[in-house]
Amino acid sequence: MDVFKAVETYITKMVSSPSAVKVLLLDSHTTPVVSLTTTQSTLLSYQVYLIDRIDNRKRDRMAHMKCICFLRPTPETMDALAEELREPRYGEYYLYFSTILTKTAIERLAEADEYEVVREVQEFFADYAPLLPCLFSLNHVSTPTDSLYGSSPNTWNPAALERSVQGVLAVLLSLKKKPIIRYEKMSGMAKKLGGEILHRIQTEQTLFDFRLTQVPPVLLILDRRNDPVTPLLSQWTYQAMVHELLGIHNGRVDLSRVPDIRPELKDITLTLQTDPFFSHNHLATFGDLGMNLKTYVASYQSRSVSTASINSITDMKRFIEEYPEFQKLGGNVSKHVALVGELSRLVGRDSLMDVGEVEQGLASGSGADFKAVQVLVMNPSIQPFNKLRLVMLYALRYQKQAASNIATLISALQESGVSQEDAQLVYAVLNMAGADQRQDDLFSIENILAKGRSALKGLKGVENVYMQHRPHLSETLENLIKGRLKDTSYPFIENQKGVGPNSVLQKPQDVIVFMIGGTTYEEARIVSLINQELVGNGT
């Protein structure tokens, strides 16, 4: 299963016909999907000479061009499309929608097409952003007006529920999977989502008429609240660090605030498909990354007349600045030198290695006590945000044993520059995802020992003190693929065909995980490594 290839196949099919000069119209939802899966040069090879937004009213009339529309059928987009068809700017229209169209929507399109310019209407289920072959996002950012939650942290905002249902259905349809559905028992939201997805699958049986497999695929619906620790940890692998410290938004990174950055590097593209070095190193630890980048620069240095010694990031930067012709030859190298240089600067400036060591001790049970956290909270070189994360981790770890210490640390946060409002978020985390809210005890001695015994530990194991923690997802997936995931904790949605008394013992080959509340690059890395292990074992 590869969500990137699934979406790429849709986009290629979409733009490959008709064989004529074309314009591609997108909306705010489909623009990032296309930008993540194809390039401008690829689109040009299919005669797509213009890309625009359906809601741009200032487009010129070009009747000689064919128009491909790839849209998500939201009310706003359907209004813009109906207006477009009533006064068409192009000769022919080929309409592709990223999710299931309602009968009402189809009727409205037919009514708006007075000039009979629509040649094709299809559903291409690319209603999600493929970030990695094994990672997708629905690009839903929770805001006060568009929250994930309803009246309580265990109920859905109806709009977010519908968006999640449509997004997961699109993933299943694009991968051609009709799964059985399991969910985290403690999560009312997971059960609700699973029930809605099952209902839609049963309603759209013809769409889900795929070839049956001996062991059916599994859709596992999890809740972020059962593992609040993983998102709070500093990251130490390349892609995760770039996202954590700089931000990756639909394959782009903004470096405009980096000191002394060259103009052409202020906004860069960072995707596996267009960047071989990133493809090979996106899972690399920060230590390995420095060595790999040094080798990368040296390979280009060998093509120049320079014999300068390159032993550090500073040496790499100096080499690039001194040889302008290298900048042209090795633009991709320059990009990664700039990125790794900025990561190194931020790690040093914010004392992230000190923070990371204490975080790992709290998360993995290998150490880190009240005093260690208190020292960092009072350290002026530590950023307020990092102090807050440390205290949240301490509170989650020692909620039942050290309530007075938690209160002391919250007071210390306020004394060291964290606002009272932000400091109170420690209690908000405990209310949302504390010990009484979680299904599994992340910090029990038994749990920590079980992680130590994990057969998956061999997946490029524990590289260093900063990589001790393993997300709870790792253990959950291992139990699932070995037929050991208990249905008392991860039950099946009721009234599913194909679910019997022995279903819990089956060892599925295809698993799709949906995490309510969002996932992390650390968890995506674990999934990548599990997939590599399974492929290596021939399963």
Protein backbone atom coordinates (compact mmCIF):
# COMPACT_ATOMS: atom_id res chain seq x y z
CA MET A 1 0.00 0.00 0.00
CA ASP A 2 1.34 3.39 -1.01
CA VAL A 3 -0.88 6.46 -0.63
CA PHE A 4 1.49 8.61 -2.67
CA LYS A 5 1.33 6.30 -5.68
CA ALA A 6 -2.45 5.99 -5.30
CA VAL A 7 -2.92 9.78 -5.56
CA GLU A 8 -0.22 10.16 -8.23
CA THR A 9 -2.07 7.60 -10.38
CA TYR A 10 -5.28 9.63 -10.09
CA ILE A 11 -3.53 12.91 -11.02
CA THR A 12 -1.75 11.32 -14.01
CA LYS A 13 -5.02 9.83 -15.27
CA MET A 14 -6.73 13.16 -14.85
CA VAL A 15 -4.27 15.28 -16.84
CA SER A 16 -3.35 12.78 -19.55
CA SER A 17 -6.54 13.30 -21.55
CA PRO A 18 -7.74 14.92 -23.67
CA SER A 19 -4.55 15.28 -25.71
CA ALA A 20 -4.80 19.05 -26.11
CA VAL A 21 -3.71 22.32 -24.53
CA LYS A 22 -5.30 22.37 -21.07
CA VAL A 23 -5.92 24.49 -18.00
CA LEU A 24 -6.14 22.86 -14.55
CA LEU A 25 -8.55 24.43 -12.05
CA LEU A 26 -8.19 23.55 -8.36
CA ASP A 27 -9.63 24.68 -5.03
CA SER A 28 -8.10 25.27 -1.59
CA HIS A 29 -8.43 21.55 -0.71
CA THR A 30 -7.04 20.01 -3.90
CA THR A 31 -4.19 22.48 -4.49
CA PRO A 32 -1.92 20.92 -1.82
CA VAL A 33 -2.83 17.41 -2.99
CA VAL A 34 -1.62 18.18 -6.53
CA SER A 35 1.47 20.08 -5.35
CA LEU A 36 2.56 17.13 -3.21
CA THR A 37 2.23 14.52 -5.94
CA THR A 38 3.38 16.14 -9.16
CA THR A 39 5.62 18.87 -10.53
CA GLN A 40 5.06 21.71 -12.97
CA SER A 41 7.34 20.06 -15.53
CA THR A 42 5.33 16.84 -15.31
CA LEU A 43 2.09 18.76 -15.85
CA LEU A 44 3.64 20.59 -18.82
CA SER A 45 4.50 17.23 -20.38
CA TYR A 46 0.75 16.54 -20.41
CA GLN A 47 0.08 19.94 -22.06
CA VAL A 48 -1.22 21.58 -18.87
CA TYR A 49 -0.03 25.14 -19.51
CA LEU A 50 -2.07 26.98 -16.92
CA ILE A 51 -2.97 26.20 -13.29
CA ASP A 52 -5.48 28.38 -11.45
CA ARG A 53 -8.10 28.41 -8.72
CA ILE A 54 -11.81 27.91 -9.40
CA ASP A 55 -12.60 30.85 -7.09
CA ASN A 56 -10.40 33.28 -9.07
CA ARG A 57 -12.95 35.50 -10.82
CA LYS A 58 -10.31 37.36 -12.84
CA ARG A 59 -9.36 34.54 -15.18
CA ASP A 60 -9.32 35.35 -18.92
CA ARG A 61 -11.66 33.69 -21.40
CA MET A 62 -9.74 31.13 -23.53
CA ALA A 63 -12.27 29.14 -25.53
CA HIS A 64 -9.55 27.22 -27.40
CA MET A 65 -8.40 25.51 -24.19
CA LYS A 66 -9.83 22.42 -22.51
CA CYS A 67 -10.41 22.68 -18.78
CA ILE A 68 -9.74 19.99 -16.18
CA CYS A 69 -11.32 20.70 -12.78
CA PHE A 70 -10.15 18.76 -9.74
CA LEU A 71 -12.29 19.84 -6.84
CA ARG A 72 -13.62 18.88 -3.44
CA PRO A 73 -17.43 19.30 -3.60
CA THR A 74 -17.80 21.75 -0.70
CA PRO A 75 -20.71 24.25 -0.85
CA GLU A 76 -18.30 27.10 -1.69
CA THR A 77 -16.59 25.16 -4.47
CA MET A 78 -19.87 23.96 -5.98
CA ASP A 79 -21.14 27.56 -6.03
CA ALA A 80 -17.98 28.67 -7.87
CA LEU A 81 -18.23 25.75 -10.32
CA ALA A 82 -21.91 26.42 -11.07
CA GLU A 83 -21.07 30.06 -11.79
CA GLU A 84 -18.19 28.93 -14.04
CA LEU A 85 -20.44 26.63 -16.07
CA ARG A 86 -23.11 29.30 -16.53
CA GLU A 87 -20.48 31.58 -18.10
CA PRO A 88 -17.81 29.18 -19.39
CA ARG A 89 -14.35 30.60 -20.07
CA TYR A 90 -13.07 27.42 -21.80
CA GLY A 91 -14.25 25.21 -24.64
CA GLU A 92 -14.73 21.93 -22.75
CA TYR A 93 -14.80 20.88 -19.10
CA TYR A 94 -13.69 17.59 -17.54
CA LEU A 95 -14.82 17.46 -13.91
CA TYR A 96 -13.11 15.29 -11.28
CA PHE A 97 -14.21 15.29 -7.66
CA SER A 98 -12.12 14.10 -4.73
CA THR A 99 -14.97 12.46 -2.85
CA ILE A 100 -18.36 10.83 -3.41
CA LEU A 101 -20.80 13.14 -5.17
CA THR A 102 -24.40 13.34 -3.95
CA LYS A 103 -27.31 13.00 -6.34
CA THR A 104 -28.27 16.59 -5.55
CA ALA A 105 -24.81 17.84 -6.55
CA ILE A 106 -24.96 16.00 -9.88
CA GLU A 107 -28.40 17.46 -10.62
CA ARG A 108 -27.16 20.94 -9.81
CA LEU A 109 -24.22 20.55 -12.20
CA ALA A 110 -26.53 19.40 -14.99
CA GLU A 111 -28.75 22.41 -14.40
CA ALA A 112 -25.79 24.84 -14.49
CA ASP A 113 -24.36 23.32 -17.72
CA GLU A 114 -26.62 25.34 -20.02
CA TYR A 115 -24.01 25.45 -22.80
CA GLU A 116 -23.32 21.71 -22.58
CA VAL A 117 -19.58 22.21 -22.14
CA VAL A 118 -19.12 19.38 -19.59
CA ARG A 119 -17.68 16.31 -21.30
CA GLU A 120 -16.92 14.13 -18.27
CA VAL A 121 -17.76 13.83 -14.56
CA GLN A 122 -15.81 11.38 -12.40
CA GLU A 123 -14.95 10.68 -8.78
CA PHE A 124 -11.20 10.34 -8.13
CA PHE A 125 -10.74 9.62 -4.45
CA ALA A 126 -7.72 11.80 -3.69
CA ASP A 127 -9.33 13.58 -0.75
CA TYR A 128 -6.22 13.60 1.42
CA ALA A 129 -2.63 14.85 1.34
CA PRO A 130 -0.04 12.05 0.87
CA LEU A 131 2.96 13.19 2.93
CA LEU A 132 4.88 9.89 2.67
CA PRO A 133 4.11 6.55 1.04
CA CYS A 134 2.79 5.40 4.44
CA LEU A 135 1.51 8.74 5.84
CA PHE A 136 -1.49 10.84 4.90
CA SER A 137 -3.10 13.94 6.36
CA LEU A 138 -6.59 15.42 6.05
CA ASN A 139 -5.03 18.88 6.54
CA HIS A 140 -7.58 19.74 9.22
CA VAL A 141 -6.20 22.40 11.55
CA SER A 142 -8.40 22.76 14.61
CA THR A 143 -9.43 26.35 15.39
CA PRO A 144 -11.96 27.85 17.84
CA THR A 145 -14.48 28.11 14.99
CA ASP A 146 -13.56 24.78 13.36
CA SER A 147 -12.71 22.50 16.26
CA LEU A 148 -12.19 18.75 16.22
CA TYR A 149 -14.22 18.36 19.40
CA GLY A 150 -17.85 18.95 20.24
CA SER A 151 -19.19 19.85 23.69
CA SER A 152 -16.60 17.62 25.41
CA PRO A 153 -13.18 16.13 24.59
CA ASN A 154 -14.83 12.79 23.82
CA THR A 155 -17.43 14.01 21.30
CA TRP A 156 -17.10 15.10 17.69
CA ASN A 157 -17.76 18.45 16.13
CA PRO A 158 -20.20 17.24 13.39
CA ALA A 159 -18.26 19.03 10.62
CA ALA A 160 -14.95 17.45 11.71
CA LEU A 161 -16.61 14.02 11.90
CA GLU A 162 -17.94 14.32 8.35
CA ARG A 163 -14.55 15.48 7.08
CA SER A 164 -12.85 12.54 8.78
CA VAL A 165 -15.37 10.05 7.38
CA GLN A 166 -14.90 11.36 3.84
CA GLY A 167 -11.12 11.43 4.17
CA VAL A 168 -10.83 7.86 5.46
CA LEU A 169 -13.27 6.59 2.82
CA ALA A 170 -11.10 8.25 0.14
CA VAL A 171 -8.00 6.50 1.49
CA LEU A 172 -9.79 3.12 1.46
CA LEU A 173 -11.18 3.63 -2.05
CA SER A 174 -7.88 4.88 -3.50
CA LEU A 175 -6.08 1.84 -2.03
CA LYS A 176 -8.96 -0.44 -3.07
CA LYS A 177 -9.47 -1.85 0.43
CA LYS A 178 -12.68 -2.94 2.14
CA PRO A 179 -11.51 -3.43 5.74
CA ILE A 180 -12.90 -4.73 8.96
CA ILE A 181 -12.86 -1.93 11.53
CA ARG A 182 -11.41 -1.98 15.04
CA TYR A 183 -11.13 0.90 17.49
CA GLU A 184 -9.70 1.94 20.85
CA LYS A 185 -12.33 0.99 23.39
CA MET A 186 -11.88 4.00 25.67
CA SER A 187 -12.56 6.45 22.82
CA GLY A 188 -16.17 7.33 22.14
CA MET A 189 -14.97 9.34 19.15
CA ALA A 190 -13.20 6.30 17.65
CA LYS A 191 -16.34 4.17 18.02
CA LYS A 192 -18.50 6.89 16.47
CA LEU A 193 -16.14 7.34 13.51
CA GLY A 194 -15.89 3.59 12.95
CA GLY A 195 -19.68 3.24 12.97
CA GLU A 196 -20.11 6.06 10.45
CA ILE A 197 -17.45 4.63 8.11
CA LEU A 198 -19.05 1.18 8.27
CA HIS A 199 -22.45 2.68 7.45
CA ARG A 200 -21.06 4.49 4.39
CA ILE A 201 -19.25 1.34 3.20
CA GLN A 202 -22.52 -0.59 3.45
CA THR A 203 -24.40 2.22 1.68
CA GLU A 204 -21.84 2.39 -1.18
CA GLN A 205 -21.41 -1.35 -1.68
CA THR A 206 -20.76 -1.07 -5.42
CA LEU A 207 -17.80 1.27 -4.82
CA PHE A 208 -16.31 -1.19 -2.31
CA ASP A 209 -16.72 -4.27 -4.49
CA PHE A 210 -13.05 -5.26 -4.34
CA ARG A 211 -11.44 -8.67 -4.63
CA LEU A 212 -11.67 -10.52 -1.33
CA THR A 213 -8.48 -11.60 0.45
CA GLN A 214 -8.04 -14.57 2.77
CA VAL A 215 -7.40 -12.24 5.71
CA PRO A 216 -9.27 -8.95 5.27
CA PRO A 217 -7.49 -5.59 5.68
CA VAL A 218 -7.93 -3.83 9.04
CA LEU A 219 -8.83 -0.20 9.63
CA LEU A 220 -7.60 0.58 13.16
CA ILE A 221 -9.01 3.80 14.62
CA LEU A 222 -6.95 5.22 17.47
CA ASP A 223 -7.26 8.31 19.65
CA ARG A 224 -4.36 10.69 20.25
CA ARG A 225 -5.43 10.97 23.90
CA ASN A 226 -4.25 7.41 24.57
CA ASP A 227 -0.66 8.48 23.83
CA PRO A 228 -0.14 12.18 24.57
CA VAL A 229 3.59 11.60 25.19
CA THR A 230 4.85 11.08 21.62
CA PRO A 231 3.79 14.53 20.27
CA LEU A 232 5.44 16.28 23.25
CA LEU A 233 8.93 14.92 22.61
CA SER A 234 11.72 16.72 20.75
CA GLN A 235 12.46 15.05 17.43
CA TRP A 236 15.86 13.72 16.35
CA THR A 237 15.38 12.47 12.79
CA TYR A 238 15.72 14.70 9.72
CA GLN A 239 12.16 15.10 8.46
CA ALA A 240 10.70 15.25 11.98
CA MET A 241 13.24 17.88 13.09
CA VAL A 242 12.60 20.08 10.06
CA HIS A 243 8.87 19.92 10.73
CA GLU A 244 9.25 20.48 14.49
CA LEU A 245 11.72 23.38 14.31
CA LEU A 246 10.94 25.03 10.96
CA GLY A 247 7.64 23.59 9.72
CA ILE A 248 6.90 21.57 6.58
CA HIS A 249 3.65 22.71 4.97
CA ASN A 250 2.50 20.66 1.99
CA GLY A 251 6.08 19.88 0.99
CA ARG A 252 7.43 23.43 1.42
CA VAL A 253 9.70 24.95 4.09
CA ASP A 254 9.94 28.69 4.80
CA LEU A 255 13.56 29.66 5.55
CA SER A 256 13.04 33.43 5.18
CA ARG A 257 13.79 34.02 8.87
CA VAL A 258 17.07 32.11 8.83
CA PRO A 259 20.03 34.47 9.41
CA ASP A 260 22.03 35.29 6.24
CA ILE A 261 19.99 32.94 4.05
CA ARG A 262 20.50 33.35 0.30
CA PRO A 263 17.44 34.71 -1.58
CA GLU A 264 16.91 31.52 -3.64
CA LEU A 265 16.74 29.42 -0.44
CA LYS A 266 14.12 31.46 1.40
CA ASP A 267 11.32 29.14 0.27
CA ILE A 268 12.28 25.56 -0.59
CA THR A 269 10.57 22.36 -1.68
CA LEU A 270 11.17 19.28 0.46
CA THR A 271 9.57 16.09 -0.83
CA LEU A 272 10.79 12.53 -1.23
CA GLN A 273 9.75 12.39 -4.88
CA THR A 274 11.78 15.37 -6.10
CA ASP A 275 14.78 15.19 -3.76
CA PRO A 276 17.02 12.06 -3.78
CA PHE A 277 19.08 13.11 -0.74
CA PHE A 278 15.95 13.76 1.33
CA SER A 279 14.43 10.49 0.13
CA HIS A 280 17.46 8.56 1.40
CA ASN A 281 17.85 10.51 4.64
CA HIS A 282 14.41 11.63 5.84
CA LEU A 283 14.45 8.92 8.53
CA ALA A 284 18.13 9.41 9.45
CA THR A 285 19.05 10.45 12.99
CA PHE A 286 20.65 13.85 13.43
CA GLY A 287 24.05 12.26 14.07
CA ASP A 288 23.95 10.12 10.93
CA LEU A 289 22.60 13.04 8.93
CA GLY A 290 25.73 15.15 9.50
CA MET A 291 27.96 12.35 8.20
CA ASN A 292 25.72 11.67 5.20
CA LEU A 293 25.62 15.36 4.31
CA LYS A 294 29.40 15.59 4.55
CA THR A 295 29.68 12.70 2.06
CA TYR A 296 27.11 14.40 -0.19
CA VAL A 297 29.04 17.68 -0.23
CA ALA A 298 32.35 15.84 -0.75
CA SER A 299 30.96 14.08 -3.83
CA TYR A 300 30.27 17.49 -5.38
CA GLN A 301 33.52 18.96 -4.09
CA SER A 302 35.42 16.34 -6.07
CA ARG A 303 34.06 17.96 -9.25
CA SER A 304 35.56 21.34 -8.33
CA VAL A 305 39.16 22.53 -7.94
CA SER A 306 38.79 22.91 -4.19
CA THR A 307 40.83 20.77 -1.84
CA ALA A 308 39.61 22.49 1.34
CA SER A 309 39.00 20.30 4.37
CA ILE A 310 35.29 19.81 5.18
CA ASN A 311 34.69 18.65 8.73
CA SER A 312 31.70 20.64 9.93
CA ILE A 313 28.52 22.38 8.83
CA THR A 314 30.45 25.68 8.94
CA ASP A 315 33.05 24.24 6.52
CA MET A 316 30.26 23.14 4.17
CA LYS A 317 28.68 26.61 4.20
CA ARG A 318 32.03 28.29 3.54
CA PHE A 319 32.79 25.94 0.64
CA ILE A 320 29.45 26.74 -1.01
CA GLU A 321 29.90 30.51 -0.55
CA GLU A 322 33.45 30.48 -1.98
CA TYR A 323 32.54 28.61 -5.16
CA PRO A 324 29.61 30.30 -6.97
CA GLU A 325 29.67 27.70 -9.76
CA PHE A 326 29.00 25.01 -7.13
CA GLN A 327 25.77 26.80 -6.21
CA LYS A 328 24.52 26.25 -9.75
CA LEU A 329 25.76 22.66 -9.94
CA GLY A 330 24.63 21.58 -6.49
CA GLY A 331 21.49 23.57 -5.71
CA ASN A 332 20.03 20.62 -3.88
CA VAL A 333 23.20 20.26 -1.79
CA SER A 334 23.08 23.96 -0.92
CA LYS A 335 19.51 23.50 0.27
CA HIS A 336 20.39 20.69 2.64
CA VAL A 337 23.50 22.44 3.94
CA ALA A 338 21.29 25.45 4.76
CA LEU A 339 18.65 23.24 6.39
CA VAL A 340 21.05 21.19 8.50
CA GLY A 341 22.97 24.34 9.40
CA GLU A 342 19.80 25.99 10.71
CA LEU A 343 18.78 22.86 12.62
CA SER A 344 22.23 22.80 14.25
CA ARG A 345 21.95 26.48 15.16
CA LEU A 346 18.52 26.00 16.78
CA VAL A 347 19.62 22.87 18.66
CA GLY A 348 22.53 24.83 20.13
CA ARG A 349 20.68 28.08 20.78
CA ASP A 350 17.78 26.37 22.58
CA SER A 351 19.89 23.74 24.42
CA LEU A 352 17.72 21.06 22.84
CA MET A 353 20.14 18.26 23.64
CA ASP A 354 19.79 18.99 27.36
CA VAL A 355 16.02 19.18 26.97
CA GLY A 356 15.88 16.01 24.84
CA GLU A 357 17.85 13.94 27.33
CA VAL A 358 15.47 14.80 30.18
CA GLU A 359 12.43 14.27 27.92
CA GLN A 360 13.62 10.80 26.97
CA GLY A 361 14.23 9.94 30.63
CA LEU A 362 10.66 10.92 31.48
CA ALA A 363 9.12 9.15 28.49
CA SER A 364 11.09 5.91 28.63
CA GLY A 365 11.35 5.46 32.39
CA SER A 366 15.14 5.48 32.26
CA GLY A 367 15.55 8.40 34.61
CA ALA A 368 14.92 12.17 34.88
CA ASP A 369 13.50 13.34 38.17
CA PHE A 370 11.87 16.45 39.58
CA LYS A 371 15.22 18.18 40.12
CA ALA A 372 16.34 17.66 36.50
CA VAL A 373 13.11 19.19 35.18
CA GLN A 374 13.25 22.07 37.68
CA VAL A 375 16.81 22.98 36.65
CA LEU A 376 15.80 23.24 32.98
CA VAL A 377 12.63 25.22 33.77
CA MET A 378 14.76 27.83 35.57
CA ASN A 379 17.39 27.90 32.80
CA PRO A 380 17.03 31.18 30.82
CA SER A 381 18.49 29.63 27.65
CA ILE A 382 15.55 27.19 27.36
CA GLN A 383 12.62 28.48 25.28
CA PRO A 384 9.29 28.88 27.19
CA PHE A 385 7.59 26.42 24.81
CA ASN A 386 10.18 23.74 25.62
CA LYS A 387 9.85 24.36 29.36
CA LEU A 388 6.09 23.89 29.05
CA ARG A 389 6.53 20.59 27.18
CA LEU A 390 8.90 19.31 29.85
CA VAL A 391 6.46 20.05 32.66
CA MET A 392 3.61 18.44 30.69
CA LEU A 393 5.70 15.28 30.31
CA TYR A 394 6.58 15.30 34.01
CA ALA A 395 2.91 15.75 34.92
CA LEU A 396 1.84 12.86 32.69
CA ARG A 397 4.60 10.65 34.13
CA TYR A 398 4.06 11.45 37.83
CA GLN A 399 0.40 12.49 37.92
CA LYS A 400 -0.53 9.93 40.57
CA GLN A 401 2.69 10.11 42.64
CA ALA A 402 3.77 13.75 42.77
CA ALA A 403 0.86 16.21 42.57
CA SER A 404 2.67 18.76 44.78
CA ASN A 405 5.74 18.69 42.52
CA ILE A 406 3.54 19.38 39.49
CA ALA A 407 2.10 22.45 41.22
CA THR A 408 5.63 23.61 42.12
CA LEU A 409 6.76 23.25 38.49
CA ILE A 410 3.74 25.18 37.20
CA SER A 411 4.65 28.04 39.57
CA ALA A 412 8.25 27.84 38.35
CA LEU A 413 7.03 28.09 34.74
CA GLN A 414 5.29 31.37 35.50
CA GLU A 415 8.36 32.69 37.31
CA SER A 416 10.53 31.86 34.28
CA GLY A 417 8.55 33.66 31.61
CA VAL A 418 5.66 31.32 30.73
CA SER A 419 2.29 33.08 30.89
CA GLN A 420 -0.26 31.95 33.47
CA GLU A 421 -2.65 30.97 30.68
CA ASP A 422 -0.04 28.75 29.03
CA ALA A 423 1.13 27.26 32.35
CA GLN A 424 -2.44 26.13 33.06
CA LEU A 425 -2.28 24.02 29.89
CA VAL A 426 -0.45 21.43 32.02
CA TYR A 427 -3.72 20.76 33.84
CA ALA A 428 -5.60 20.85 30.51
CA VAL A 429 -3.37 18.03 29.21
CA LEU A 430 -4.04 15.98 32.36
CA ASN A 431 -7.79 16.54 32.00
CA MET A 432 -7.69 15.59 28.30
CA ALA A 433 -5.18 12.72 28.35
CA GLY A 434 -4.21 11.99 31.94
CA ALA A 435 -4.04 8.53 33.53
CA ASP A 436 -7.83 8.34 34.08
CA GLN A 437 -8.51 9.18 30.42
CA ARG A 438 -6.05 6.73 28.86
CA GLN A 439 -6.87 3.14 28.00
CA ASP A 440 -3.28 1.96 28.45
CA ASP A 441 -0.75 2.78 31.15
CA LEU A 442 2.17 4.26 29.21
CA PHE A 443 4.44 4.37 32.24
CA SER A 444 3.90 1.07 34.04
CA ILE A 445 7.00 -1.05 34.68
CA GLU A 446 5.36 -3.91 32.76
CA ASN A 447 4.72 -1.67 29.76
CA ILE A 448 8.27 -0.34 29.68
CA LEU A 449 9.71 -3.86 29.97
CA ALA A 450 7.39 -5.09 27.22
CA LYS A 451 8.71 -2.38 24.91
CA GLY A 452 12.24 -3.50 25.78
CA ARG A 453 11.39 -7.08 24.81
CA SER A 454 9.68 -6.02 21.59
CA ALA A 455 10.73 -8.04 18.56
CA LEU A 456 10.54 -4.81 16.60
CA LYS A 457 13.38 -3.45 18.70
CA GLY A 458 15.73 -4.78 16.06
CA LEU A 459 14.43 -2.25 13.56
CA LYS A 460 17.54 -0.08 13.68
CA GLY A 461 17.06 -0.24 17.49
CA VAL A 462 17.89 2.44 19.98
CA GLU A 463 20.51 4.57 18.27
CA ASN A 464 21.33 6.82 21.23
CA VAL A 465 20.03 8.39 24.41
CA TYR A 466 17.77 10.69 22.36
CA MET A 467 15.98 7.79 20.63
CA GLN A 468 15.03 5.59 23.61
CA HIS A 469 11.31 6.27 23.45
CA ARG A 470 9.15 4.12 21.20
CA PRO A 471 5.63 5.34 20.44
CA HIS A 472 2.76 3.31 21.88
CA LEU A 473 1.67 2.70 18.26
CA SER A 474 4.69 0.42 17.81
CA GLU A 475 3.48 -2.07 20.41
CA THR A 476 -0.14 -1.83 19.22
CA LEU A 477 0.80 -2.63 15.61
CA GLU A 478 3.11 -5.45 16.62
CA ASN A 479 0.31 -7.10 18.57
CA LEU A 480 -2.14 -6.60 15.69
CA ILE A 481 0.06 -8.09 12.96
CA LYS A 482 0.85 -11.07 15.22
CA GLY A 483 -2.82 -11.71 16.01
CA ARG A 484 -2.39 -10.72 19.67
CA LEU A 485 -4.31 -7.44 19.88
CA LYS A 486 -7.04 -8.09 22.46
CA ASP A 487 -10.59 -7.38 21.37
CA THR A 488 -11.40 -6.40 24.95
CA SER A 489 -9.24 -3.30 24.44
CA TYR A 490 -9.57 -2.92 20.66
CA PRO A 491 -13.03 -4.28 19.80
CA PHE A 492 -14.59 -4.65 16.36
CA ILE A 493 -17.34 -2.30 15.24
CA GLU A 494 -20.61 -4.22 15.56
CA ASN A 495 -22.57 -5.76 12.66
CA GLN A 496 -19.63 -6.23 10.29
CA LYS A 497 -19.64 -9.00 7.71
CA GLY A 498 -16.62 -11.24 7.90
CA VAL A 499 -16.05 -10.80 11.64
CA GLY A 500 -16.17 -14.07 13.58
CA PRO A 501 -14.90 -15.57 16.82
CA ASN A 502 -11.43 -16.15 15.33
CA SER A 503 -11.06 -12.73 13.71
CA VAL A 504 -8.98 -11.41 16.59
CA LEU A 505 -6.37 -14.16 15.96
CA GLN A 506 -5.95 -13.31 12.27
CA LYS A 507 -2.68 -11.74 11.14
CA PRO A 508 -3.61 -8.97 8.67
CA GLN A 509 -1.19 -8.07 5.91
CA ASP A 510 -2.78 -4.69 5.21
CA VAL A 511 -3.43 -2.26 8.07
CA ILE A 512 -4.66 1.33 7.76
CA VAL A 513 -4.37 3.39 10.95
CA PHE A 514 -6.34 6.58 11.53
CA MET A 515 -5.35 8.64 14.56
CA ILE A 516 -8.03 11.02 15.82
CA GLY A 517 -6.21 14.20 16.85
CA GLY A 518 -3.29 13.72 14.49
CA THR A 519 -0.16 11.65 14.24
CA THR A 520 3.58 12.42 14.27
CA TYR A 521 6.57 11.87 12.01
CA GLU A 522 8.05 9.71 14.77
CA GLU A 523 5.10 7.33 14.41
CA ALA A 524 5.37 7.46 10.60
CA ARG A 525 9.02 6.43 10.98
CA ILE A 526 7.99 3.43 13.08
CA VAL A 527 5.46 2.40 10.42
CA SER A 528 8.12 2.75 7.69
CA LEU A 529 10.52 0.55 9.64
CA ILE A 530 7.81 -2.05 10.34
CA ASN A 531 6.99 -2.13 6.62
CA GLN A 532 10.67 -2.59 5.76
CA GLU A 533 10.91 -5.43 8.26
CA LEU A 534 7.80 -7.16 6.91
CA VAL A 535 8.99 -6.83 3.30
CA GLY A 536 12.39 -8.19 4.35
CA ASN A 537 10.67 -11.19 5.93
CA GLY A 538 8.58 -11.75 2.80
CA THR A 539 5.24 -10.93 4.48
